[in-house]
PDB file of all heavy atoms in Angstrom:
ATOM      1  N   TYR A   1     -37.210 -67.301  14.171  1.00  0.00           N
ATOM      2  CA  TYR A   1     -37.226 -66.953  12.766  1.00  0.00           C
ATOM      3  C   TYR A   1     -35.995 -66.259  12.361  1.00  0.00           C
ATOM      4  O   TYR A   1     -35.647 -66.176  11.157  1.00  0.00           O
ATOM      5  CB  TYR A   1     -38.544 -66.072  12.409  1.00  0.00           C
ATOM      6  CG  TYR A   1     -38.774 -64.973  13.241  1.00  0.00           C
ATOM      7  CD1 TYR A   1     -38.264 -63.704  12.946  1.00  0.00           C
ATOM      8  CD2 TYR A   1     -39.537 -65.132  14.451  1.00  0.00           C
ATOM      9  CE1 TYR A   1     -38.433 -62.630  13.720  1.00  0.00           C
ATOM     10  CE2 TYR A   1     -39.783 -63.967  15.230  1.00  0.00           C
ATOM     11  CZ  TYR A   1     -39.295 -62.776  14.882  1.00  0.00           C
ATOM     12  OH  TYR A   1     -39.422 -61.725  15.819  1.00  0.00           O
ATOM     13  N   ASP A   2     -35.261 -65.488  13.236  1.00  0.00           N
ATOM     14  CA  ASP A   2     -34.052 -64.906  12.749  1.00  0.00           C
ATOM     15  C   ASP A   2     -32.823 -65.065  13.627  1.00  0.00           C
ATOM     16  O   ASP A   2     -31.806 -64.468  13.405  1.00  0.00           O
ATOM     17  CB  ASP A   2     -34.331 -63.317  12.548  1.00  0.00           C
ATOM     18  CG  ASP A   2     -34.690 -62.672  13.776  1.00  0.00           C
ATOM     19  OD1 ASP A   2     -34.587 -63.336  14.882  1.00  0.00           O
ATOM     20  OD2 ASP A   2     -35.019 -61.483  13.811  1.00  0.00           O
ATOM     21  N   GLN A   3     -33.032 -65.875  14.623  1.00  0.00           N
ATOM     22  CA  GLN A   3     -31.898 -66.204  15.569  1.00  0.00           C
ATOM     23  C   GLN A   3     -31.293 -65.061  16.375  1.00  0.00           C
ATOM     24  O   GLN A   3     -30.203 -65.093  16.870  1.00  0.00           O
ATOM     25  CB  GLN A   3     -30.801 -67.099  14.779  1.00  0.00           C
ATOM     26  CG  GLN A   3     -31.269 -68.344  14.299  1.00  0.00           C
ATOM     27  CD  GLN A   3     -31.820 -69.263  15.235  1.00  0.00           C
ATOM     28  OE1 GLN A   3     -31.186 -69.595  16.115  1.00  0.00           O
ATOM     29  NE2 GLN A   3     -33.101 -69.721  15.125  1.00  0.00           N
ATOM     30  N   ARG A   4     -32.098 -63.953  16.384  1.00  0.00           N
ATOM     31  CA  ARG A   4     -31.624 -62.806  17.215  1.00  0.00           C
ATOM     32  C   ARG A   4     -31.803 -63.122  18.762  1.00  0.00           C
ATOM     33  O   ARG A   4     -32.751 -63.794  19.071  1.00  0.00           O
ATOM     34  CB  ARG A   4     -32.345 -61.496  16.810  1.00  0.00           C
ATOM     35  CG  ARG A   4     -31.780 -61.091  15.366  1.00  0.00           C
ATOM     36  CD  ARG A   4     -32.543 -59.847  14.859  1.00  0.00           C
ATOM     37  NE  ARG A   4     -32.325 -58.739  15.866  1.00  0.00           N
ATOM     38  CZ  ARG A   4     -33.047 -57.742  15.814  1.00  0.00           C
ATOM     39  NH1 ARG A   4     -34.148 -57.561  15.059  1.00  0.00           N
ATOM     40  NH2 ARG A   4     -32.843 -56.732  16.808  1.00  0.00           N
ATOM     41  N   VAL A   5     -30.933 -62.554  19.508  1.00  0.00           N
ATOM     42  CA  VAL A   5     -31.028 -62.805  21.049  1.00  0.00           C
ATOM     43  C   VAL A   5     -32.187 -61.951  21.553  1.00  0.00           C
ATOM     44  O   VAL A   5     -32.331 -60.759  21.407  1.00  0.00           O
ATOM     45  CB  VAL A   5     -29.717 -62.289  21.603  1.00  0.00           C
ATOM     46  CG1 VAL A   5     -29.908 -62.542  23.138  1.00  0.00           C
ATOM     47  CG2 VAL A   5     -28.650 -63.214  21.242  1.00  0.00           C
ATOM     48  N   VAL A   6     -33.174 -62.603  22.181  1.00  0.00           N
ATOM     49  CA  VAL A   6     -34.196 -61.961  22.887  1.00  0.00           C
ATOM     50  C   VAL A   6     -33.877 -61.516  24.233  1.00  0.00           C
ATOM     51  O   VAL A   6     -34.014 -60.374  24.782  1.00  0.00           O
ATOM     52  CB  VAL A   6     -35.511 -62.853  22.897  1.00  0.00           C
ATOM     53  CG1 VAL A   6     -36.613 -62.172  23.666  1.00  0.00           C
ATOM     54  CG2 VAL A   6     -35.986 -63.289  21.516  1.00  0.00           C
ATOM     55  N   ARG A   7     -33.295 -62.467  24.922  1.00  0.00           N
ATOM     56  CA  ARG A   7     -32.859 -62.165  26.365  1.00  0.00           C
ATOM     57  C   ARG A   7     -31.729 -63.109  26.720  1.00  0.00           C
ATOM     58  O   ARG A   7     -31.675 -64.351  26.159  1.00  0.00           O
ATOM     59  CB  ARG A   7     -33.994 -62.415  27.361  1.00  0.00           C
ATOM     60  CG  ARG A   7     -33.724 -62.115  28.691  1.00  0.00           C
ATOM     61  CD  ARG A   7     -34.946 -62.139  29.563  1.00  0.00           C
ATOM     62  NE  ARG A   7     -35.736 -61.067  29.065  1.00  0.00           N
ATOM     63  CZ  ARG A   7     -36.974 -60.806  29.522  1.00  0.00           C
ATOM     64  NH1 ARG A   7     -37.679 -61.669  30.264  1.00  0.00           N
ATOM     65  NH2 ARG A   7     -37.699 -59.781  29.120  1.00  0.00           N
ATOM     66  N   GLU A   8     -30.859 -62.674  27.604  1.00  0.00           N
ATOM     67  CA  GLU A   8     -29.822 -63.521  28.225  1.00  0.00           C
ATOM     68  C   GLU A   8     -30.256 -63.852  29.574  1.00  0.00           C
ATOM     69  O   GLU A   8     -30.431 -62.924  30.354  1.00  0.00           O
ATOM     70  CB  GLU A   8     -28.480 -62.879  27.993  1.00  0.00           C
ATOM     71  CG  GLU A   8     -27.405 -63.848  28.245  1.00  0.00           C
ATOM     72  CD  GLU A   8     -26.010 -63.356  27.779  1.00  0.00           C
ATOM     73  OE1 GLU A   8     -26.103 -62.780  26.711  1.00  0.00           O
ATOM     74  OE2 GLU A   8     -25.071 -63.475  28.462  1.00  0.00           O
ATOM     75  N   ILE A   9     -30.334 -65.160  29.888  1.00  0.00           N
ATOM     76  CA  ILE A   9     -30.815 -65.578  31.168  1.00  0.00           C
ATOM     77  C   ILE A   9     -29.692 -66.239  31.982  1.00  0.00           C
ATOM     78  O   ILE A   9     -29.041 -67.241  31.599  1.00  0.00           O
ATOM     79  CB  ILE A   9     -32.036 -66.649  30.938  1.00  0.00           C
ATOM     80  CG1 ILE A   9     -33.047 -65.889  30.050  1.00  0.00           C
ATOM     81  CG2 ILE A   9     -32.547 -67.062  32.319  1.00  0.00           C
ATOM     82  CD1 ILE A   9     -33.964 -66.993  29.628  1.00  0.00           C
ATOM     83  N   PRO A  10     -29.398 -65.747  33.229  1.00  0.00           N
ATOM     84  CA  PRO A  10     -28.311 -66.287  33.981  1.00  0.00           C
ATOM     85  C   PRO A  10     -28.682 -67.622  34.454  1.00  0.00           C
ATOM     86  O   PRO A  10     -29.806 -68.003  34.793  1.00  0.00           O
ATOM     87  CB  PRO A  10     -28.207 -65.314  35.259  1.00  0.00           C
ATOM     88  CG  PRO A  10     -29.302 -64.444  35.222  1.00  0.00           C
ATOM     89  CD  PRO A  10     -30.008 -64.557  33.854  1.00  0.00           C
ATOM     90  N   MET A  11     -27.687 -68.614  34.477  1.00  0.00           N
ATOM     91  CA  MET A  11     -27.840 -69.980  34.926  1.00  0.00           C
ATOM     92  C   MET A  11     -27.435 -69.974  36.400  1.00  0.00           C
ATOM     93  O   MET A  11     -26.344 -69.368  36.758  1.00  0.00           O
ATOM     94  CB  MET A  11     -27.095 -70.879  34.141  1.00  0.00           C
ATOM     95  CG  MET A  11     -27.546 -71.026  32.688  1.00  0.00           C
ATOM     96  SD  MET A  11     -26.629 -72.198  31.648  1.00  0.00           S
ATOM     97  CE  MET A  11     -26.382 -73.584  32.641  1.00  0.00           C
ATOM     98  N   ASP A  12     -28.210 -70.699  37.200  1.00  0.00           N
ATOM     99  CA  ASP A  12     -27.844 -70.810  38.667  1.00  0.00           C
ATOM    100  C   ASP A  12     -27.115 -72.186  38.884  1.00  0.00           C
ATOM    101  O   ASP A  12     -27.169 -72.985  38.082  1.00  0.00           O
ATOM    102  CB  ASP A  12     -29.169 -70.759  39.472  1.00  0.00           C
ATOM    103  CG  ASP A  12     -29.855 -69.479  39.522  1.00  0.00           C
ATOM    104  OD1 ASP A  12     -29.058 -68.453  39.515  1.00  0.00           O
ATOM    105  OD2 ASP A  12     -30.999 -69.373  39.646  1.00  0.00           O
ATOM    106  N   SER A  13     -26.445 -72.048  39.951  1.00  0.00           N
ATOM    107  CA  SER A  13     -25.749 -73.423  40.412  1.00  0.00           C
ATOM    108  C   SER A  13     -26.782 -74.463  40.807  1.00  0.00           C
ATOM    109  O   SER A  13     -27.945 -74.059  41.144  1.00  0.00           O
ATOM    110  CB  SER A  13     -24.706 -73.168  41.504  1.00  0.00           C
ATOM    111  OG  SER A  13     -25.471 -72.688  42.679  1.00  0.00           O
ATOM    112  N   ALA A  14     -26.422 -75.691  40.950  1.00  0.00           N
ATOM    113  CA  ALA A  14     -27.331 -76.775  41.481  1.00  0.00           C
ATOM    114  C   ALA A  14     -27.816 -76.384  42.872  1.00  0.00           C
ATOM    115  O   ALA A  14     -29.063 -76.640  43.176  1.00  0.00           O
ATOM    116  CB  ALA A  14     -26.594 -78.149  41.397  1.00  0.00           C
ATOM    117  N   GLU A  15     -26.967 -75.844  43.696  1.00  0.00           N
ATOM    118  CA  GLU A  15     -27.346 -75.497  45.035  1.00  0.00           C
ATOM    119  C   GLU A  15     -28.433 -74.429  45.116  1.00  0.00           C
ATOM    120  O   GLU A  15     -29.327 -74.407  45.754  1.00  0.00           O
ATOM    121  CB  GLU A  15     -26.114 -75.036  45.824  1.00  0.00           C
ATOM    122  CG  GLU A  15     -25.183 -76.119  46.115  1.00  0.00           C
ATOM    123  CD  GLU A  15     -24.135 -76.404  44.863  1.00  0.00           C
ATOM    124  OE1 GLU A  15     -24.111 -75.535  44.009  1.00  0.00           O
ATOM    125  OE2 GLU A  15     -23.498 -77.485  44.811  1.00  0.00           O
ATOM    126  N   MET A  16     -28.234 -73.435  44.218  1.00  0.00           N
ATOM    127  CA  MET A  16     -29.214 -72.367  44.169  1.00  0.00           C
ATOM    128  C   MET A  16     -30.522 -72.798  43.647  1.00  0.00           C
ATOM    129  O   MET A  16     -31.619 -72.445  44.110  1.00  0.00           O
ATOM    130  CB  MET A  16     -28.697 -71.254  43.345  1.00  0.00           C
ATOM    131  CG  MET A  16     -29.654 -70.049  43.073  1.00  0.00           C
ATOM    132  SD  MET A  16     -29.970 -69.388  44.741  1.00  0.00           S
ATOM    133  CE  MET A  16     -28.960 -67.880  44.727  1.00  0.00           C
ATOM    134  N   VAL A  17     -30.616 -73.724  42.733  1.00  0.00           N
ATOM    135  CA  VAL A  17     -31.762 -74.422  42.188  1.00  0.00           C
ATOM    136  C   VAL A  17     -32.439 -75.120  43.323  1.00  0.00           C
ATOM    137  O   VAL A  17     -33.714 -74.981  43.475  1.00  0.00           O
ATOM    138  CB  VAL A  17     -31.500 -75.200  40.897  1.00  0.00           C
ATOM    139  CG1 VAL A  17     -32.807 -76.109  40.519  1.00  0.00           C
ATOM    140  CG2 VAL A  17     -31.048 -74.341  39.699  1.00  0.00           C
ATOM    141  N   MET A  18     -31.788 -75.958  43.911  1.00  0.00           N
ATOM    142  CA  MET A  18     -32.343 -76.679  45.058  1.00  0.00           C
ATOM    143  C   MET A  18     -32.973 -75.833  46.140  1.00  0.00           C
ATOM    144  O   MET A  18     -33.968 -76.124  46.658  1.00  0.00           O
ATOM    145  CB  MET A  18     -31.409 -77.672  45.670  1.00  0.00           C
ATOM    146  CG  MET A  18     -30.944 -78.857  44.598  1.00  0.00           C
ATOM    147  SD  MET A  18     -32.305 -79.680  44.046  1.00  0.00           S
ATOM    148  CE  MET A  18     -32.815 -80.610  45.451  1.00  0.00           C
ATOM    149  N   SER A  19     -32.195 -74.746  46.472  1.00  0.00           N
ATOM    150  CA  SER A  19     -32.671 -73.831  47.498  1.00  0.00           C
ATOM    151  C   SER A  19     -33.939 -73.155  47.066  1.00  0.00           C
ATOM    152  O   SER A  19     -34.961 -73.021  47.774  1.00  0.00           O
ATOM    153  CB  SER A  19     -31.649 -72.813  47.696  1.00  0.00           C
ATOM    154  OG  SER A  19     -32.104 -71.765  48.624  1.00  0.00           O
ATOM    155  N   THR A  20     -34.017 -72.673  45.849  1.00  0.00           N
ATOM    156  CA  THR A  20     -35.172 -72.125  45.220  1.00  0.00           C
ATOM    157  C   THR A  20     -36.396 -73.074  45.152  1.00  0.00           C
ATOM    158  O   THR A  20     -37.552 -72.658  45.607  1.00  0.00           O
ATOM    159  CB  THR A  20     -34.930 -71.535  43.861  1.00  0.00           C
ATOM    160  OG1 THR A  20     -33.732 -70.629  43.842  1.00  0.00           O
ATOM    161  CG2 THR A  20     -36.146 -70.848  43.232  1.00  0.00           C
ATOM    162  N   LEU A  21     -36.165 -74.288  44.853  1.00  0.00           N
ATOM    163  CA  LEU A  21     -37.199 -75.341  44.820  1.00  0.00           C
ATOM    164  C   LEU A  21     -37.760 -75.542  46.182  1.00  0.00           C
ATOM    165  O   LEU A  21     -38.867 -75.690  46.424  1.00  0.00           O
ATOM    166  CB  LEU A  21     -36.767 -76.658  44.099  1.00  0.00           C
ATOM    167  CG  LEU A  21     -36.532 -76.440  42.673  1.00  0.00           C
ATOM    168  CD1 LEU A  21     -35.918 -77.820  42.175  1.00  0.00           C
ATOM    169  CD2 LEU A  21     -37.987 -76.348  41.981  1.00  0.00           C
ATOM    170  N   ALA A  22     -36.826 -75.661  47.191  1.00  0.00           N
ATOM    171  CA  ALA A  22     -37.272 -75.934  48.529  1.00  0.00           C
ATOM    172  C   ALA A  22     -38.030 -74.735  49.144  1.00  0.00           C
ATOM    173  O   ALA A  22     -39.113 -74.860  49.756  1.00  0.00           O
ATOM    174  CB  ALA A  22     -36.047 -76.078  49.403  1.00  0.00           C
ATOM    175  N   GLU A  23     -37.605 -73.569  48.714  1.00  0.00           N
ATOM    176  CA  GLU A  23     -38.454 -72.351  49.199  1.00  0.00           C
ATOM    177  C   GLU A  23     -39.847 -72.325  48.566  1.00  0.00           C
ATOM    178  O   GLU A  23     -40.826 -72.039  49.244  1.00  0.00           O
ATOM    179  CB  GLU A  23     -37.698 -71.067  48.796  1.00  0.00           C
ATOM    180  CG  GLU A  23     -38.460 -69.783  49.251  1.00  0.00           C
ATOM    181  CD  GLU A  23     -37.598 -68.491  49.070  1.00  0.00           C
ATOM    182  OE1 GLU A  23     -36.503 -68.583  48.470  1.00  0.00           O
ATOM    183  OE2 GLU A  23     -38.203 -67.420  49.238  1.00  0.00           O
ATOM    184  N   ALA A  24     -39.839 -72.628  47.263  1.00  0.00           N
ATOM    185  CA  ALA A  24     -41.167 -72.685  46.514  1.00  0.00           C
ATOM    186  C   ALA A  24     -42.024 -73.753  47.057  1.00  0.00           C
ATOM    187  O   ALA A  24     -43.301 -73.611  47.245  1.00  0.00           O
ATOM    188  CB  ALA A  24     -40.896 -72.956  45.004  1.00  0.00           C
ATOM    189  N   HIS A  25     -41.428 -74.892  47.480  1.00  0.00           N
ATOM    190  CA  HIS A  25     -42.285 -75.919  48.114  1.00  0.00           C
ATOM    191  C   HIS A  25     -42.827 -75.457  49.368  1.00  0.00           C
ATOM    192  O   HIS A  25     -44.049 -75.800  49.713  1.00  0.00           O
ATOM    193  CB  HIS A  25     -41.379 -77.271  48.219  1.00  0.00           C
ATOM    194  CG  HIS A  25     -42.166 -78.339  48.827  1.00  0.00           C
ATOM    195  ND1 HIS A  25     -43.111 -79.105  48.156  1.00  0.00           N
ATOM    196  CD2 HIS A  25     -42.085 -78.922  50.095  1.00  0.00           C
ATOM    197  CE1 HIS A  25     -43.545 -80.027  49.009  1.00  0.00           C
ATOM    198  NE2 HIS A  25     -42.925 -79.834  50.147  1.00  0.00           N
ATOM    199  N   GLN A  26     -42.105 -74.890  50.256  1.00  0.00           N
ATOM    200  CA  GLN A  26     -42.476 -74.472  51.552  1.00  0.00           C
ATOM    201  C   GLN A  26     -43.629 -73.452  51.362  1.00  0.00           C
ATOM    202  O   GLN A  26     -44.563 -73.448  52.083  1.00  0.00           O
ATOM    203  CB  GLN A  26     -41.237 -73.859  52.283  1.00  0.00           C
ATOM    204  CG  GLN A  26     -41.700 -73.153  53.684  1.00  0.00           C
ATOM    205  CD  GLN A  26     -42.274 -74.296  54.541  1.00  0.00           C
ATOM    206  OE1 GLN A  26     -41.777 -75.461  54.583  1.00  0.00           O
ATOM    207  NE2 GLN A  26     -43.109 -73.964  55.372  1.00  0.00           N
ATOM    208  N   LEU A  27     -43.467 -72.467  50.387  1.00  0.00           N
ATOM    209  CA  LEU A  27     -44.575 -71.406  50.230  1.00  0.00           C
ATOM    210  C   LEU A  27     -45.843 -72.163  49.737  1.00  0.00           C
ATOM    211  O   LEU A  27     -46.814 -71.755  50.154  1.00  0.00           O
ATOM    212  CB  LEU A  27     -44.009 -70.420  49.226  1.00  0.00           C
ATOM    213  CG  LEU A  27     -42.916 -69.504  49.712  1.00  0.00           C
ATOM    214  CD1 LEU A  27     -42.374 -68.595  48.591  1.00  0.00           C
ATOM    215  CD2 LEU A  27     -43.411 -68.689  50.860  1.00  0.00           C
ATOM    216  N   PHE A  28     -45.635 -73.140  48.955  1.00  0.00           N
ATOM    217  CA  PHE A  28     -46.807 -73.869  48.410  1.00  0.00           C
ATOM    218  C   PHE A  28     -47.506 -74.602  49.609  1.00  0.00           C
ATOM    219  O   PHE A  28     -48.689 -74.633  49.753  1.00  0.00           O
ATOM    220  CB  PHE A  28     -46.460 -74.937  47.344  1.00  0.00           C
ATOM    221  CG  PHE A  28     -47.688 -75.777  46.937  1.00  0.00           C
ATOM    222  CD1 PHE A  28     -48.568 -75.270  46.029  1.00  0.00           C
ATOM    223  CD2 PHE A  28     -47.814 -77.052  47.450  1.00  0.00           C
ATOM    224  CE1 PHE A  28     -49.671 -75.892  45.556  1.00  0.00           C
ATOM    225  CE2 PHE A  28     -48.943 -77.791  46.866  1.00  0.00           C
ATOM    226  CZ  PHE A  28     -49.729 -77.218  45.996  1.00  0.00           C
ATOM    227  N   GLN A  29     -46.775 -75.177  50.487  1.00  0.00           N
ATOM    228  CA  GLN A  29     -47.350 -75.828  51.675  1.00  0.00           C
ATOM    229  C   GLN A  29     -48.084 -74.892  52.659  1.00  0.00           C
ATOM    230  O   GLN A  29     -48.936 -75.226  53.195  1.00  0.00           O
ATOM    231  CB  GLN A  29     -46.221 -76.710  52.395  1.00  0.00           C
ATOM    232  CG  GLN A  29     -45.610 -77.805  51.566  1.00  0.00           C
ATOM    233  CD  GLN A  29     -46.596 -78.879  51.317  1.00  0.00           C
ATOM    234  OE1 GLN A  29     -47.399 -79.318  52.031  1.00  0.00           O
ATOM    235  NE2 GLN A  29     -46.509 -79.454  49.968  1.00  0.00           N
ATOM    236  N   ASP A  30     -47.534 -73.754  52.793  1.00  0.00           N
ATOM    237  CA  ASP A  30     -48.100 -72.802  53.754  1.00  0.00           C
ATOM    238  C   ASP A  30     -48.801 -71.734  52.967  1.00  0.00           C
ATOM    239  O   ASP A  30     -48.273 -70.717  52.587  1.00  0.00           O
ATOM    240  CB  ASP A  30     -46.984 -72.141  54.577  1.00  0.00           C
ATOM    241  CG  ASP A  30     -47.513 -71.117  55.584  1.00  0.00           C
ATOM    242  OD1 ASP A  30     -48.739 -71.078  55.748  1.00  0.00           O
ATOM    243  OD2 ASP A  30     -46.717 -70.367  56.040  1.00  0.00           O
ATOM    244  N   GLN A  31     -50.071 -71.959  52.515  1.00  0.00           N
ATOM    245  CA  GLN A  31     -50.719 -71.037  51.773  1.00  0.00           C
ATOM    246  C   GLN A  31     -51.732 -70.176  52.694  1.00  0.00           C
ATOM    247  O   GLN A  31     -52.789 -69.710  52.192  1.00  0.00           O
ATOM    248  CB  GLN A  31     -51.578 -71.759  50.867  1.00  0.00           C
ATOM    249  CG  GLN A  31     -50.740 -72.483  49.786  1.00  0.00           C
ATOM    250  CD  GLN A  31     -51.546 -73.068  48.641  1.00  0.00           C
ATOM    251  OE1 GLN A  31     -52.578 -72.646  48.342  1.00  0.00           O
ATOM    252  NE2 GLN A  31     -50.860 -73.962  47.886  1.00  0.00           N
ATOM    253  N   SER A  32     -51.361 -69.950  54.011  1.00  0.00           N
ATOM    254  CA  SER A  32     -52.140 -69.073  54.812  1.00  0.00           C
ATOM    255  C   SER A  32     -52.053 -67.613  54.296  1.00  0.00           C
ATOM    256  O   SER A  32     -50.954 -67.281  53.698  1.00  0.00           O
ATOM    257  CB  SER A  32     -51.631 -69.118  56.180  1.00  0.00           C
ATOM    258  OG  SER A  32     -50.353 -68.661  56.317  1.00  0.00           O
ATOM    259  N   PRO A  33     -53.082 -66.798  54.426  1.00  0.00           N
ATOM    260  CA  PRO A  33     -53.018 -65.444  53.899  1.00  0.00           C
ATOM    261  C   PRO A  33     -52.037 -64.679  54.682  1.00  0.00           C
ATOM    262  O   PRO A  33     -51.874 -64.881  55.895  1.00  0.00           O
ATOM    263  CB  PRO A  33     -54.492 -64.933  54.070  1.00  0.00           C
ATOM    264  CG  PRO A  33     -55.184 -65.889  54.858  1.00  0.00           C
ATOM    265  CD  PRO A  33     -54.389 -67.121  54.966  1.00  0.00           C
ATOM    266  N   SER A  34     -51.275 -63.912  54.017  1.00  0.00           N
ATOM    267  CA  SER A  34     -50.286 -62.962  54.721  1.00  0.00           C
ATOM    268  C   SER A  34     -50.921 -61.702  55.041  1.00  0.00           C
ATOM    269  O   SER A  34     -51.766 -61.198  54.289  1.00  0.00           O
ATOM    270  CB  SER A  34     -49.025 -62.827  53.793  1.00  0.00           C
ATOM    271  OG  SER A  34     -49.452 -62.205  52.614  1.00  0.00           O
ATOM    272  N   ASP A  35     -50.509 -61.104  56.106  1.00  0.00           N
ATOM    273  CA  ASP A  35     -51.112 -59.855  56.611  1.00  0.00           C
ATOM    274  C   ASP A  35     -50.125 -58.624  56.167  1.00  0.00           C
ATOM    275  O   ASP A  35     -49.078 -58.717  56.030  1.00  0.00           O
ATOM    276  CB  ASP A  35     -51.219 -59.787  58.064  1.00  0.00           C
ATOM    277  CG  ASP A  35     -52.346 -60.875  58.548  1.00  0.00           C
ATOM    278  OD1 ASP A  35     -53.252 -61.080  57.731  1.00  0.00           O
ATOM    279  OD2 ASP A  35     -52.163 -61.360  59.570  1.00  0.00           O
TER     280      ASP A  35
END
């Protein structure tokens, strides 16, 4: 409604995005309870 900046979000490189997705996928696959 007023074009004021709410937050500035850093952009990651493609390698960082792929690494983050791979880690998220691994965590999703291994849903065993952590101690």
